[in-house]
């Protein structure tokens, strides 16, 4: 069983930055692919970013490329999402997820999910 706890969300003005963190309670954190997803009210949950177990590969949604950066610290069992140049359309609940597979954007391949952290970007 993997428990994931997100933090770092909040209210920020457009153009600002936030850094989300996701702490995992698991011994073999380095074996898991980690991803960030988001869901805005009335919308389906969508992929944001993913990082392979070794951090050698990263994937990004087109909507966040060049603005968001995913990283991980396997020694701290933590994955991060640095969000810069935030836009009002980035407003959503952000979820961290882990999966025991190769890096993927497919939500169905992620086995464990956090409770989410709210990000609100004002115009």
N, C-alpha and C. Protein backbone atom coordinates (compact mmCIF):
# COMPACT_ATOMS: atom_id res chain seq x y z
N UNK A 1 0.84 -1.18 0.00
CA UNK A 1 0.00 0.00 0.00
C UNK A 1 0.89 1.25 0.00
N UNK A 2 0.51 2.20 -0.83
CA UNK A 2 1.26 3.46 -0.93
C UNK A 2 0.33 4.59 -0.53
N UNK A 3 0.79 5.41 0.37
CA UNK A 3 0.03 6.61 0.74
C UNK A 3 0.75 7.83 0.20
N UNK A 4 -0.03 8.70 -0.44
CA UNK A 4 0.52 9.91 -1.05
C UNK A 4 -0.15 11.13 -0.44
N UNK A 5 0.66 12.10 -0.06
CA UNK A 5 0.13 13.32 0.55
C UNK A 5 0.70 14.53 -0.18
N UNK A 6 -0.22 15.28 -0.81
CA UNK A 6 0.19 16.47 -1.55
C UNK A 6 0.17 17.70 -0.64
N UNK A 7 0.99 18.67 -0.99
CA UNK A 7 1.00 19.95 -0.29
C UNK A 7 1.51 21.02 -1.23
N UNK A 8 1.32 22.28 -0.83
CA UNK A 8 1.87 23.38 -1.61
C UNK A 8 0.88 24.16 -2.44
N UNK A 9 -0.37 23.70 -2.46
CA UNK A 9 -1.37 24.44 -3.21
C UNK A 9 -1.72 25.75 -2.54
N UNK A 10 -2.49 26.57 -3.25
CA UNK A 10 -2.90 27.83 -2.68
C UNK A 10 -3.44 28.77 -3.73
N UNK A 11 -3.57 30.02 -3.35
CA UNK A 11 -4.07 31.08 -4.23
C UNK A 11 -2.90 31.92 -4.71
N UNK A 12 -2.83 32.14 -6.02
CA UNK A 12 -1.74 32.91 -6.59
C UNK A 12 -2.28 33.74 -7.75
N UNK A 13 -1.66 34.87 -7.99
CA UNK A 13 -2.07 35.69 -9.12
C UNK A 13 -1.50 35.14 -10.42
N UNK A 14 -2.16 35.43 -11.50
CA UNK A 14 -1.68 35.02 -12.82
C UNK A 14 -0.25 35.52 -13.02
N UNK A 15 0.59 34.62 -13.57
CA UNK A 15 2.00 34.95 -13.75
C UNK A 15 2.87 34.51 -12.60
N UNK A 16 2.25 34.12 -11.51
CA UNK A 16 2.99 33.70 -10.32
C UNK A 16 3.43 32.25 -10.39
N UNK A 17 4.01 31.79 -9.29
CA UNK A 17 4.55 30.43 -9.23
C UNK A 17 4.09 29.73 -7.95
N UNK A 18 4.03 28.42 -8.04
CA UNK A 18 3.80 27.56 -6.89
C UNK A 18 4.61 26.30 -7.07
N UNK A 19 4.97 25.68 -5.95
CA UNK A 19 5.66 24.40 -5.99
C UNK A 19 4.86 23.40 -5.18
N UNK A 20 4.36 22.39 -5.87
CA UNK A 20 3.64 21.31 -5.20
C UNK A 20 4.61 20.20 -4.81
N UNK A 21 4.32 19.58 -3.69
CA UNK A 21 5.09 18.44 -3.22
C UNK A 21 4.16 17.26 -2.99
N UNK A 22 4.69 16.08 -3.13
CA UNK A 22 3.93 14.87 -2.87
C UNK A 22 4.85 13.90 -2.15
N UNK A 23 4.53 13.64 -0.89
CA UNK A 23 5.33 12.73 -0.08
C UNK A 23 4.70 11.34 -0.10
N UNK A 24 5.50 10.33 -0.34
CA UNK A 24 5.02 8.96 -0.43
C UNK A 24 5.52 8.13 0.74
N UNK A 25 4.61 7.38 1.31
CA UNK A 25 4.99 6.49 2.40
C UNK A 25 5.12 5.09 1.84
N UNK A 26 6.27 4.78 1.32
CA UNK A 26 6.54 3.48 0.74
C UNK A 26 8.04 3.26 0.77
N UNK A 27 8.44 2.01 0.97
CA UNK A 27 9.88 1.72 1.05
C UNK A 27 10.56 1.83 -0.29
N UNK A 28 9.86 1.37 -1.33
CA UNK A 28 10.48 1.28 -2.64
C UNK A 28 10.01 2.41 -3.56
N UNK A 29 10.03 3.62 -3.05
CA UNK A 29 9.55 4.77 -3.82
C UNK A 29 10.24 4.85 -5.17
N UNK A 30 11.51 4.54 -5.22
CA UNK A 30 12.27 4.68 -6.45
C UNK A 30 11.81 3.73 -7.54
N UNK A 31 11.00 2.74 -7.20
CA UNK A 31 10.52 1.78 -8.20
C UNK A 31 9.27 2.27 -8.93
N UNK A 32 8.68 3.36 -8.47
CA UNK A 32 7.41 3.80 -9.00
C UNK A 32 7.55 4.96 -9.97
N UNK A 33 6.76 4.89 -11.03
CA UNK A 33 6.58 6.08 -11.86
C UNK A 33 5.64 7.00 -11.10
N UNK A 34 5.88 8.30 -11.18
CA UNK A 34 5.07 9.27 -10.47
C UNK A 34 4.46 10.24 -11.46
N UNK A 35 3.23 10.64 -11.18
CA UNK A 35 2.55 11.56 -12.07
C UNK A 35 1.75 12.61 -11.32
N UNK A 36 1.49 13.69 -12.00
CA UNK A 36 0.58 14.74 -11.52
C UNK A 36 -0.58 14.85 -12.50
N UNK A 37 -1.77 14.93 -11.95
CA UNK A 37 -2.98 15.11 -12.72
C UNK A 37 -3.76 16.26 -12.09
N UNK A 38 -4.74 16.78 -12.80
CA UNK A 38 -5.55 17.86 -12.24
C UNK A 38 -6.98 17.74 -12.72
N UNK A 39 -7.88 18.30 -11.91
CA UNK A 39 -9.30 18.28 -12.25
C UNK A 39 -9.91 19.60 -11.84
N UNK A 40 -10.47 20.28 -12.82
CA UNK A 40 -11.18 21.53 -12.57
C UNK A 40 -12.67 21.22 -12.44
N UNK A 41 -13.42 22.06 -11.74
CA UNK A 41 -14.86 21.80 -11.59
C UNK A 41 -15.54 21.64 -12.92
N UNK A 42 -16.32 20.58 -13.06
CA UNK A 42 -17.05 20.32 -14.28
C UNK A 42 -16.25 19.66 -15.37
N UNK A 43 -14.96 19.44 -15.11
CA UNK A 43 -14.10 18.82 -16.12
C UNK A 43 -13.63 17.45 -15.66
N UNK A 44 -13.20 16.65 -16.62
CA UNK A 44 -12.61 15.38 -16.28
C UNK A 44 -11.17 15.59 -15.79
N UNK A 45 -10.70 14.63 -15.04
CA UNK A 45 -9.32 14.69 -14.59
C UNK A 45 -8.40 14.53 -15.79
N UNK A 46 -7.34 15.31 -15.83
CA UNK A 46 -6.44 15.28 -16.97
C UNK A 46 -4.98 15.16 -16.52
N UNK A 47 -4.19 14.61 -17.41
CA UNK A 47 -2.77 14.43 -17.17
C UNK A 47 -2.06 15.78 -17.20
N UNK A 48 -1.07 15.93 -16.31
CA UNK A 48 -0.26 17.14 -16.28
C UNK A 48 1.20 16.81 -16.57
N UNK A 49 1.78 15.90 -15.79
CA UNK A 49 3.20 15.58 -15.94
C UNK A 49 3.48 14.23 -15.31
N UNK A 50 4.55 13.58 -15.79
CA UNK A 50 4.96 12.30 -15.23
C UNK A 50 6.48 12.21 -15.27
N UNK A 51 7.02 11.39 -14.37
CA UNK A 51 8.46 11.21 -14.29
C UNK A 51 8.76 9.74 -14.01
N UNK A 52 9.75 9.22 -14.71
CA UNK A 52 10.10 7.81 -14.55
C UNK A 52 10.78 7.59 -13.20
N UNK A 53 10.96 6.31 -12.84
CA UNK A 53 11.51 5.99 -11.53
C UNK A 53 12.91 6.56 -11.36
N UNK A 54 13.67 6.64 -12.44
CA UNK A 54 15.05 7.12 -12.36
C UNK A 54 15.17 8.62 -12.61
N UNK A 55 14.03 9.24 -12.93
CA UNK A 55 14.01 10.66 -13.32
C UNK A 55 14.68 10.88 -14.66
N UNK A 56 14.94 9.80 -15.40
CA UNK A 56 15.57 9.95 -16.69
C UNK A 56 14.62 10.38 -17.79
N UNK A 57 13.33 10.18 -17.55
CA UNK A 57 12.33 10.55 -18.54
C UNK A 57 11.21 11.35 -17.89
N UNK A 58 10.74 12.35 -18.61
CA UNK A 58 9.60 13.14 -18.16
C UNK A 58 8.64 13.37 -19.31
N UNK A 59 7.36 13.42 -19.00
CA UNK A 59 6.33 13.74 -19.97
C UNK A 59 5.55 14.95 -19.44
N UNK A 60 5.05 15.76 -20.36
CA UNK A 60 4.24 16.91 -19.98
C UNK A 60 3.04 17.03 -20.93
N UNK A 61 1.94 17.51 -20.39
CA UNK A 61 0.82 17.89 -21.23
C UNK A 61 1.24 19.12 -22.04
N UNK A 62 0.72 19.24 -23.24
CA UNK A 62 1.08 20.38 -24.09
C UNK A 62 0.74 21.71 -23.41
N UNK A 63 -0.32 21.71 -22.63
CA UNK A 63 -0.78 22.95 -22.01
C UNK A 63 0.17 23.49 -20.94
N UNK A 64 1.08 22.64 -20.45
CA UNK A 64 1.99 23.08 -19.38
C UNK A 64 3.46 23.06 -19.79
N UNK A 65 3.75 22.57 -20.96
CA UNK A 65 5.14 22.49 -21.41
C UNK A 65 5.80 23.87 -21.39
N UNK A 66 7.01 23.90 -20.86
CA UNK A 66 7.74 25.15 -20.78
C UNK A 66 7.41 25.97 -19.55
N UNK A 67 6.36 25.60 -18.83
CA UNK A 67 5.97 26.34 -17.64
C UNK A 67 6.09 25.50 -16.36
N UNK A 68 5.80 24.22 -16.46
CA UNK A 68 5.83 23.31 -15.32
C UNK A 68 7.04 22.39 -15.43
N UNK A 69 7.58 22.02 -14.28
CA UNK A 69 8.69 21.07 -14.23
C UNK A 69 8.44 20.05 -13.14
N UNK A 70 8.48 18.79 -13.51
CA UNK A 70 8.34 17.71 -12.54
C UNK A 70 9.72 17.20 -12.17
N UNK A 71 9.91 16.87 -10.90
CA UNK A 71 11.18 16.33 -10.44
C UNK A 71 10.90 15.40 -9.26
N UNK A 72 11.90 14.64 -8.89
CA UNK A 72 11.72 13.73 -7.75
C UNK A 72 13.02 13.62 -6.98
N UNK A 73 12.88 13.36 -5.69
CA UNK A 73 14.02 13.09 -4.81
C UNK A 73 13.75 11.73 -4.17
N UNK A 74 14.36 10.70 -4.70
CA UNK A 74 14.09 9.36 -4.20
C UNK A 74 14.58 9.15 -2.77
N UNK A 75 15.56 9.92 -2.36
CA UNK A 75 16.05 9.82 -0.98
C UNK A 75 15.02 10.34 0.01
N UNK A 76 14.16 11.25 -0.46
CA UNK A 76 13.13 11.83 0.40
C UNK A 76 11.74 11.30 0.09
N UNK A 77 11.65 10.35 -0.84
CA UNK A 77 10.34 9.79 -1.22
C UNK A 77 9.36 10.90 -1.61
N UNK A 78 9.83 11.84 -2.36
CA UNK A 78 9.02 13.01 -2.69
C UNK A 78 9.13 13.35 -4.17
N UNK A 79 8.00 13.72 -4.75
CA UNK A 79 7.96 14.23 -6.11
C UNK A 79 7.44 15.67 -6.06
N UNK A 80 7.94 16.49 -6.96
CA UNK A 80 7.61 17.91 -6.97
C UNK A 80 7.02 18.32 -8.31
N UNK A 81 6.26 19.39 -8.28
CA UNK A 81 5.77 20.01 -9.51
C UNK A 81 5.97 21.52 -9.35
N UNK A 82 6.98 22.04 -10.03
CA UNK A 82 7.23 23.48 -10.04
C UNK A 82 6.38 24.09 -11.14
N UNK A 83 5.53 25.03 -10.74
CA UNK A 83 4.60 25.64 -11.69
C UNK A 83 4.91 27.13 -11.79
N UNK A 84 5.33 27.55 -12.97
CA UNK A 84 5.66 28.95 -13.22
C UNK A 84 4.70 29.53 -14.25
N UNK A 85 4.66 30.84 -14.33
CA UNK A 85 3.81 31.54 -15.30
C UNK A 85 2.38 31.00 -15.26
N UNK A 86 1.85 30.89 -14.08
CA UNK A 86 0.53 30.31 -13.90
C UNK A 86 -0.55 31.15 -14.56
N UNK A 87 -1.55 30.45 -15.08
CA UNK A 87 -2.68 31.07 -15.77
C UNK A 87 -3.97 30.72 -15.04
N UNK A 88 -5.01 31.52 -15.20
CA UNK A 88 -6.30 31.17 -14.56
C UNK A 88 -6.79 29.79 -14.96
N UNK A 89 -6.51 29.36 -16.18
CA UNK A 89 -6.94 28.04 -16.62
C UNK A 89 -6.19 26.89 -15.96
N UNK A 90 -5.15 27.21 -15.19
CA UNK A 90 -4.46 26.18 -14.41
C UNK A 90 -5.19 25.89 -13.09
N UNK A 91 -6.21 26.66 -12.79
CA UNK A 91 -6.97 26.45 -11.56
C UNK A 91 -7.61 25.07 -11.56
N UNK A 92 -7.32 24.29 -10.53
CA UNK A 92 -7.81 22.92 -10.44
C UNK A 92 -7.34 22.30 -9.13
N UNK A 93 -7.88 21.15 -8.85
CA UNK A 93 -7.36 20.32 -7.77
C UNK A 93 -6.28 19.42 -8.38
N UNK A 94 -5.09 19.45 -7.81
CA UNK A 94 -3.96 18.72 -8.35
C UNK A 94 -3.71 17.46 -7.54
N UNK A 95 -3.61 16.34 -8.25
CA UNK A 95 -3.43 15.04 -7.63
C UNK A 95 -2.09 14.44 -8.00
N UNK A 96 -1.48 13.84 -7.02
CA UNK A 96 -0.27 13.06 -7.22
C UNK A 96 -0.69 11.59 -7.34
N UNK A 97 0.02 10.84 -8.20
CA UNK A 97 -0.30 9.43 -8.38
C UNK A 97 0.98 8.64 -8.59
N UNK A 98 0.94 7.37 -8.23
CA UNK A 98 2.09 6.50 -8.43
C UNK A 98 1.64 5.20 -9.09
N UNK A 99 2.54 4.66 -9.88
CA UNK A 99 2.24 3.42 -10.56
C UNK A 99 3.48 2.57 -10.71
N UNK A 100 3.25 1.27 -10.71
CA UNK A 100 4.38 0.35 -10.85
C UNK A 100 4.47 -0.07 -12.31
N UNK A 101 4.84 0.90 -13.15
CA UNK A 101 4.91 0.64 -14.58
C UNK A 101 5.92 1.59 -15.20
N UNK A 102 6.04 1.48 -16.52
CA UNK A 102 6.88 2.47 -17.19
C UNK A 102 6.16 3.81 -17.20
N UNK A 103 6.89 4.84 -17.49
CA UNK A 103 6.32 6.19 -17.51
C UNK A 103 5.15 6.23 -18.50
N UNK A 104 4.07 6.85 -18.10
CA UNK A 104 2.87 6.86 -18.91
C UNK A 104 2.00 8.05 -18.56
N UNK A 105 1.16 8.45 -19.52
CA UNK A 105 0.17 9.49 -19.28
C UNK A 105 -1.20 8.89 -18.97
N UNK A 106 -1.30 7.58 -19.04
CA UNK A 106 -2.56 6.85 -18.86
C UNK A 106 -2.93 6.77 -17.38
N UNK A 107 -4.02 7.41 -17.00
CA UNK A 107 -4.44 7.40 -15.60
C UNK A 107 -4.68 5.99 -15.08
N UNK A 108 -5.11 5.11 -15.97
CA UNK A 108 -5.42 3.74 -15.57
C UNK A 108 -4.21 2.93 -15.15
N UNK A 109 -3.03 3.43 -15.49
CA UNK A 109 -1.80 2.72 -15.13
C UNK A 109 -1.28 3.14 -13.75
N UNK A 110 -1.93 4.11 -13.15
CA UNK A 110 -1.51 4.57 -11.82
C UNK A 110 -2.38 3.89 -10.77
N UNK A 111 -1.73 3.31 -9.79
CA UNK A 111 -2.42 2.49 -8.81
C UNK A 111 -2.83 3.25 -7.54
N UNK A 112 -2.08 4.25 -7.20
CA UNK A 112 -2.32 4.96 -5.94
C UNK A 112 -2.45 6.47 -6.20
N UNK A 113 -3.35 7.08 -5.43
CA UNK A 113 -3.65 8.49 -5.63
C UNK A 113 -3.69 9.21 -4.28
N UNK A 114 -3.26 10.47 -4.31
CA UNK A 114 -3.39 11.31 -3.13
C UNK A 114 -4.77 11.95 -3.09
N UNK A 115 -5.00 12.75 -2.07
CA UNK A 115 -6.29 13.41 -1.88
C UNK A 115 -6.40 14.70 -2.67
N UNK A 116 -5.29 15.21 -3.12
CA UNK A 116 -5.32 16.42 -3.93
C UNK A 116 -5.01 17.68 -3.15
N UNK A 117 -4.53 18.68 -3.87
CA UNK A 117 -4.28 20.00 -3.28
C UNK A 117 -4.80 21.05 -4.27
N UNK A 118 -5.52 22.03 -3.75
CA UNK A 118 -6.19 23.00 -4.61
C UNK A 118 -5.23 24.10 -5.04
N UNK A 119 -5.25 24.39 -6.32
CA UNK A 119 -4.49 25.52 -6.87
C UNK A 119 -5.49 26.47 -7.52
N UNK A 120 -5.47 27.72 -7.09
CA UNK A 120 -6.36 28.72 -7.65
C UNK A 120 -5.53 29.88 -8.16
N UNK A 121 -5.73 30.20 -9.44
CA UNK A 121 -4.97 31.28 -10.07
C UNK A 121 -5.94 32.40 -10.42
N UNK A 122 -5.74 33.55 -9.84
CA UNK A 122 -6.63 34.69 -10.08
C UNK A 122 -6.10 35.54 -11.22
N UNK A 123 -7.03 36.15 -11.96
CA UNK A 123 -6.63 36.96 -13.12
C UNK A 123 -6.38 38.41 -12.71
